[in-house]
Amino acid sequence: MKIKQFLVLIASFILLPSLVQAHGYRARVDIADWRLEMSRLECRMWQVVPTYGEAVFSYKAGDEQRFFLKSKKSIDSTGEVNVESIPPSWRHAQQRYVASVSNVLGSMPVRLHDQLANRLLAELEEGMFPSITHGGWYNGHNITIDVSAVNFGDAYRDYVDCVANLLPANFDQLNRSAFLFQTNHYGVTPAMARHIEMIADYVQEDPDVQTVYVDGHTDSVGRRGYNWELSRKRGDSIKKALVRAGVDESLITMRYHGEGTPILKNKSASNRSNNRRVVVVLDKG
């Protein structure tokens, strides 16, 4: 008898690692809601998933649609993420496969970009519940998150309106914008003016931008004193255009460098064309 009990105990330990433990989380129907945070810099719509964390849709200026899960606990197990779309219990519809991707370690284990994020929005708009399974807090552990479509419609309409009103470019795309000039020229062209308007719109929307540096440069052709003055005129023309477009003049700091700081050696016409420039740097302090 003791031998049989011992063998059963050994067998249970052998089989135990092969068993996959799982936890599932979802917001109850009576408390499920969608929250919004909207600006011209980013549109964010998310649902709180009790105990687990958040399911988030985010669209940033100049970027693409993104969806991610934000977990309160760090995920330490790598594995496959399975995304399906399931009907609510009160609806007769077929469960649908959406995608399989790899999860990421840390507090944002599931990240879906562009087409897959838009697919989830379409499923929710149709009243389906995206169901996402990913590796959990340790090996052999899975977590399933069901995102509820309850109360989705009104929030989604506001989210779409927000996305339509996003700025065309973000900080990384606008910071260190370079404006190139013809030899001896310092006037602002229509193409420059359009880009300057994008910078001005961004600066007015982002309170974190503390300083706008305007750096004027030339190539090495001509006398140094002349080039220093030309770099000042180029910088001044960009500064005036920024102010006309709405940037507070007190935010702007002018710097003139003449021919002293080329980005390329002035040994060819192509290189010199890149050195005849004004660079606008956005500083968040």
Protein backbone atom coordinates (compact mmCIF):
# COMPACT_ATOMS: atom_id res chain seq x y z
CA MET A 1 0.00 0.00 0.00
CA LYS A 2 2.76 2.39 0.85
CA ILE A 3 4.50 1.60 -2.45
CA LYS A 4 1.31 2.41 -4.41
CA GLN A 5 0.88 5.70 -2.58
CA PHE A 6 4.51 6.55 -3.26
CA LEU A 7 4.10 5.82 -6.99
CA VAL A 8 0.95 7.96 -7.19
CA LEU A 9 2.78 10.82 -5.48
CA ILE A 10 5.73 10.55 -7.90
CA ALA A 11 3.36 10.48 -10.88
CA SER A 12 1.60 13.60 -9.67
CA PHE A 13 4.92 15.49 -9.49
CA ILE A 14 5.86 14.31 -13.00
CA LEU A 15 2.56 15.48 -14.45
CA LEU A 16 2.36 18.77 -12.54
CA PRO A 17 4.76 20.82 -14.74
CA SER A 18 2.77 19.91 -17.86
CA LEU A 19 -0.38 21.45 -16.46
CA VAL A 20 -0.94 25.03 -17.63
CA GLN A 21 -2.38 27.32 -14.98
CA ALA A 22 -4.47 30.23 -16.16
CA HIS A 23 -6.26 33.32 -14.93
CA GLY A 24 -8.95 35.27 -16.75
CA TYR A 25 -9.93 38.91 -16.29
CA ARG A 26 -12.71 41.08 -17.64
CA ALA A 27 -14.83 44.03 -16.56
CA ARG A 28 -18.33 43.07 -15.46
CA VAL A 29 -21.10 44.19 -17.80
CA ASP A 30 -22.56 46.53 -15.18
CA ILE A 31 -19.25 48.39 -14.64
CA ALA A 32 -17.55 48.13 -18.04
CA ASP A 33 -16.87 51.52 -19.55
CA TRP A 34 -14.45 53.31 -21.87
CA ARG A 35 -12.44 56.32 -20.79
CA LEU A 36 -11.02 59.03 -23.02
CA GLU A 37 -8.07 61.38 -22.93
CA MET A 38 -7.98 63.62 -25.98
CA SER A 39 -5.75 66.34 -27.38
CA ARG A 40 -4.25 67.27 -30.73
CA LEU A 41 -1.08 65.42 -29.65
CA GLU A 42 -2.63 62.07 -28.71
CA CYS A 43 -6.03 60.38 -28.59
CA ARG A 44 -6.29 57.67 -25.96
CA MET A 45 -9.24 55.38 -25.22
CA TRP A 46 -9.01 52.67 -22.59
CA GLN A 47 -10.94 50.21 -20.49
CA VAL A 48 -10.00 49.33 -16.92
CA VAL A 49 -9.71 45.55 -16.50
CA PRO A 50 -10.23 44.87 -12.77
CA THR A 51 -7.24 43.33 -10.98
CA TYR A 52 -5.23 43.08 -14.23
CA GLY A 53 -4.74 46.66 -15.47
CA GLU A 54 -5.88 48.39 -18.67
CA ALA A 55 -6.64 47.71 -22.34
CA VAL A 56 -5.60 50.80 -24.29
CA PHE A 57 -6.03 52.22 -27.80
CA SER A 58 -3.68 55.09 -28.59
CA TYR A 59 -3.19 57.26 -31.67
CA LYS A 60 -0.40 59.87 -31.53
CA ALA A 61 0.13 62.78 -33.90
CA GLY A 62 2.18 61.72 -36.92
CA ASP A 63 2.03 58.06 -35.88
CA GLU A 64 -0.25 55.06 -36.40
CA GLN A 65 -2.98 53.33 -34.45
CA ARG A 66 -1.77 51.22 -31.53
CA PHE A 67 -3.33 48.85 -28.99
CA PHE A 68 -1.62 47.53 -25.89
CA LEU A 69 -2.35 45.81 -22.60
CA LYS A 70 -0.93 47.48 -19.48
CA SER A 71 -0.51 45.02 -16.62
CA LYS A 72 -0.20 45.97 -12.96
CA LYS A 73 2.21 43.07 -12.51
CA SER A 74 5.29 42.51 -14.63
CA ILE A 75 4.98 39.63 -17.10
CA ASP A 76 7.99 37.34 -16.83
CA SER A 77 7.02 34.54 -19.21
CA THR A 78 7.54 34.72 -22.97
CA GLY A 79 5.20 32.97 -25.34
CA GLU A 80 2.58 33.38 -28.01
CA VAL A 81 -0.25 35.87 -27.82
CA ASN A 82 -3.53 34.55 -29.21
CA VAL A 83 -6.18 37.09 -30.13
CA GLU A 84 -9.76 36.00 -30.83
CA SER A 85 -13.08 37.78 -31.10
CA ILE A 86 -15.94 36.21 -29.18
CA PRO A 87 -19.63 37.13 -29.13
CA PRO A 88 -21.30 38.19 -25.88
CA SER A 89 -23.43 35.54 -24.20
CA TRP A 90 -26.66 37.16 -25.39
CA ARG A 91 -25.68 37.15 -29.08
CA HIS A 92 -25.69 34.34 -31.63
CA ALA A 93 -22.45 34.67 -33.60
CA GLN A 94 -19.34 32.70 -34.39
CA GLN A 95 -16.08 33.10 -32.50
CA ARG A 96 -13.40 34.51 -34.83
CA TYR A 97 -9.62 34.17 -34.96
CA VAL A 98 -7.84 37.55 -35.17
CA ALA A 99 -4.09 37.10 -34.82
CA SER A 100 -1.12 35.40 -33.16
CA VAL A 101 1.96 37.40 -32.13
CA SER A 102 4.73 37.14 -29.54
CA ASN A 103 4.31 38.73 -26.14
CA VAL A 104 6.84 41.13 -24.57
CA LEU A 105 8.31 40.93 -21.10
CA GLY A 106 7.39 43.66 -18.63
CA SER A 107 4.25 45.65 -17.90
CA MET A 108 3.10 45.96 -21.54
CA PRO A 109 3.10 42.34 -22.71
CA VAL A 110 0.77 42.78 -25.70
CA ARG A 111 1.35 45.44 -28.34
CA LEU A 112 -0.57 45.52 -31.61
CA HIS A 113 0.14 48.12 -34.29
CA ASP A 114 -1.87 49.62 -37.12
CA GLN A 115 -3.90 46.95 -38.94
CA LEU A 116 -4.37 44.63 -35.96
CA ALA A 117 -5.29 47.53 -33.67
CA ASN A 118 -7.82 48.71 -36.25
CA ARG A 119 -9.17 45.17 -36.53
CA LEU A 120 -9.85 45.13 -32.78
CA LEU A 121 -11.69 48.46 -33.06
CA ALA A 122 -13.82 47.00 -35.85
CA GLU A 123 -14.66 43.94 -33.75
CA LEU A 124 -15.68 46.11 -30.80
CA GLU A 125 -17.76 48.37 -33.03
CA GLU A 126 -19.59 45.25 -34.18
CA GLY A 127 -20.34 44.33 -30.55
CA MET A 128 -17.79 41.51 -30.28
CA PHE A 129 -15.46 41.00 -27.31
CA PRO A 130 -11.72 40.71 -28.14
CA SER A 131 -10.20 37.89 -26.07
CA ILE A 132 -6.42 38.02 -25.63
CA THR A 133 -4.35 35.22 -24.09
CA HIS A 134 -0.68 35.72 -23.26
CA GLY A 135 2.07 34.26 -21.10
CA GLY A 136 1.71 35.10 -17.44
CA TRP A 137 3.73 35.72 -14.31
CA TYR A 138 5.79 32.53 -14.54
CA ASN A 139 6.42 29.64 -16.94
CA GLY A 140 3.37 27.48 -17.44
CA HIS A 141 0.98 30.30 -16.57
CA ASN A 142 -1.41 31.99 -19.03
CA ILE A 143 -3.60 35.06 -18.69
CA THR A 144 -6.74 35.76 -20.71
CA ILE A 145 -8.13 39.29 -20.98
CA ASP A 146 -11.63 39.81 -22.38
CA VAL A 147 -12.19 43.37 -23.56
CA SER A 148 -15.85 44.36 -23.28
CA ALA A 149 -17.81 46.11 -26.04
CA VAL A 150 -20.33 47.43 -23.50
CA ASN A 151 -20.62 51.25 -23.69
CA PHE A 152 -18.10 51.31 -26.55
CA GLY A 153 -20.13 53.20 -29.18
CA ASP A 154 -20.26 56.72 -27.71
CA ALA A 155 -16.62 56.68 -26.64
CA TYR A 156 -15.54 55.42 -30.05
CA ARG A 157 -17.32 58.24 -31.88
CA ASP A 158 -15.50 60.82 -29.75
CA TYR A 159 -12.23 58.95 -30.28
CA VAL A 160 -12.64 59.01 -34.06
CA ASP A 161 -13.34 62.76 -33.97
CA CYS A 162 -10.18 63.24 -31.90
CA VAL A 163 -8.06 61.25 -34.36
CA ALA A 164 -9.36 63.34 -37.25
CA ASN A 165 -8.15 66.47 -35.44
CA LEU A 166 -4.62 65.27 -34.59
CA LEU A 167 -1.63 67.34 -35.62
CA PRO A 168 0.14 66.00 -38.73
CA ALA A 169 3.50 65.53 -36.96
CA ASN A 170 4.89 64.76 -33.51
CA PHE A 171 7.81 66.00 -31.44
CA ASP A 172 10.37 63.58 -32.84
CA GLN A 173 9.39 64.44 -36.41
CA LEU A 174 9.57 68.21 -35.86
CA ASN A 175 12.50 68.55 -33.49
CA ARG A 176 15.72 69.58 -35.25
CA SER A 177 13.90 70.62 -38.42
CA ALA A 178 16.45 71.88 -40.99
CA PHE A 179 15.65 74.59 -43.54
CA LEU A 180 18.10 74.71 -46.47
CA PHE A 181 18.87 77.93 -48.38
CA GLN A 182 20.27 78.81 -51.77
CA THR A 183 23.61 80.65 -51.91
CA ASN A 184 23.33 84.18 -50.45
CA HIS A 185 19.56 83.73 -49.85
CA TYR A 186 17.75 84.10 -46.55
CA GLY A 187 14.07 84.46 -47.49
CA VAL A 188 11.43 81.96 -46.35
CA THR A 189 9.95 79.91 -49.21
CA PRO A 190 6.30 78.67 -49.28
CA ALA A 191 7.49 75.13 -48.51
CA MET A 192 9.42 76.40 -45.48
CA ALA A 193 6.39 78.38 -44.33
CA ARG A 194 4.18 75.28 -44.39
CA HIS A 195 6.65 73.34 -42.26
CA ILE A 196 7.04 76.30 -39.90
CA GLU A 197 3.26 76.32 -39.41
CA MET A 198 3.41 72.66 -38.32
CA ILE A 199 6.13 73.50 -35.80
CA ALA A 200 4.13 76.46 -34.49
CA ASP A 201 0.97 74.37 -34.12
CA TYR A 202 2.90 71.76 -32.18
CA VAL A 203 4.59 74.26 -29.86
CA GLN A 204 1.23 75.86 -29.07
CA GLU A 205 -0.27 72.46 -28.19
CA ASP A 206 2.60 71.03 -26.13
CA PRO A 207 3.19 72.96 -22.88
CA ASP A 208 6.32 70.91 -22.22
CA VAL A 209 8.25 72.79 -24.91
CA GLN A 210 10.17 75.39 -22.91
CA THR A 211 12.52 76.85 -25.54
CA VAL A 212 12.68 77.01 -29.32
CA TYR A 213 16.27 77.39 -30.50
CA VAL A 214 16.86 78.83 -33.97
CA ASP A 215 20.41 78.18 -35.24
CA GLY A 216 21.61 79.95 -38.40
CA HIS A 217 24.48 78.57 -40.52
CA THR A 218 26.24 79.13 -43.85
CA ASP A 219 28.75 77.30 -46.02
CA SER A 220 32.38 78.45 -46.23
CA VAL A 221 32.05 80.48 -49.44
CA GLY A 222 32.68 84.21 -48.78
CA ARG A 223 34.22 86.21 -45.96
CA ARG A 224 33.64 85.08 -42.38
CA GLY A 225 32.09 88.38 -41.31
CA TYR A 226 29.69 88.26 -44.25
CA ASN A 227 28.79 84.66 -43.47
CA TRP A 228 28.12 85.44 -39.83
CA GLU A 229 25.71 88.21 -40.86
CA LEU A 230 24.08 85.93 -43.45
CA SER A 231 23.52 83.23 -40.81
CA ARG A 232 21.90 85.89 -38.60
CA LYS A 233 19.57 86.98 -41.43
CA ARG A 234 18.59 83.38 -42.15
CA GLY A 235 17.87 82.69 -38.50
CA ASP A 236 15.96 85.94 -38.15
CA SER A 237 13.74 85.13 -41.14
CA ILE A 238 12.81 81.75 -39.62
CA LYS A 239 12.20 83.36 -36.22
CA LYS A 240 9.85 85.96 -37.71
CA ALA A 241 7.96 83.23 -39.58
CA LEU A 242 7.56 81.23 -36.35
CA VAL A 243 6.19 84.30 -34.56
CA ARG A 244 3.78 85.02 -37.44
CA ALA A 245 2.60 81.40 -37.21
CA GLY A 246 1.80 81.80 -33.50
CA VAL A 247 4.92 80.90 -31.48
CA ASP A 248 5.39 83.13 -28.45
CA GLU A 249 8.50 85.20 -29.21
CA SER A 250 9.67 84.87 -25.60
CA LEU A 251 10.19 81.13 -26.18
CA ILE A 252 12.62 81.68 -29.06
CA THR A 253 16.39 81.82 -28.55
CA MET A 254 18.50 82.89 -31.54
CA ARG A 255 22.00 81.58 -32.21
CA TYR A 256 24.23 82.47 -35.19
CA HIS A 257 27.18 80.37 -36.25
CA GLY A 258 28.27 81.62 -39.67
CA GLU A 259 30.43 78.98 -41.35
CA GLY A 260 31.83 77.72 -38.04
CA THR A 261 29.78 74.54 -37.51
CA PRO A 262 29.29 72.68 -40.80
CA ILE A 263 27.61 69.30 -40.70
CA LEU A 264 29.62 68.23 -43.77
CA LYS A 265 33.00 69.29 -45.10
CA ASN A 266 32.61 72.15 -47.58
CA LYS A 267 34.41 70.26 -50.37
CA SER A 268 31.51 69.78 -52.78
CA ALA A 269 28.44 71.66 -53.97
CA SER A 270 26.21 68.99 -52.40
CA ASN A 271 27.89 69.30 -49.01
CA ARG A 272 27.77 73.09 -49.09
CA SER A 273 24.03 72.99 -49.85
CA ASN A 274 23.48 71.05 -46.61
CA ASN A 275 25.55 73.53 -44.63
CA ARG A 276 23.46 76.55 -45.76
CA ARG A 277 20.79 75.93 -43.18
CA VAL A 278 18.71 77.02 -40.22
CA VAL A 279 17.93 74.33 -37.63
CA VAL A 280 14.96 74.64 -35.26
CA VAL A 281 15.44 72.73 -32.00
CA LEU A 282 12.56 72.15 -29.56
CA ASP A 283 13.70 71.85 -25.96
CA LYS A 284 11.45 70.42 -23.27
CA GLY A 285 13.81 71.52 -20.51
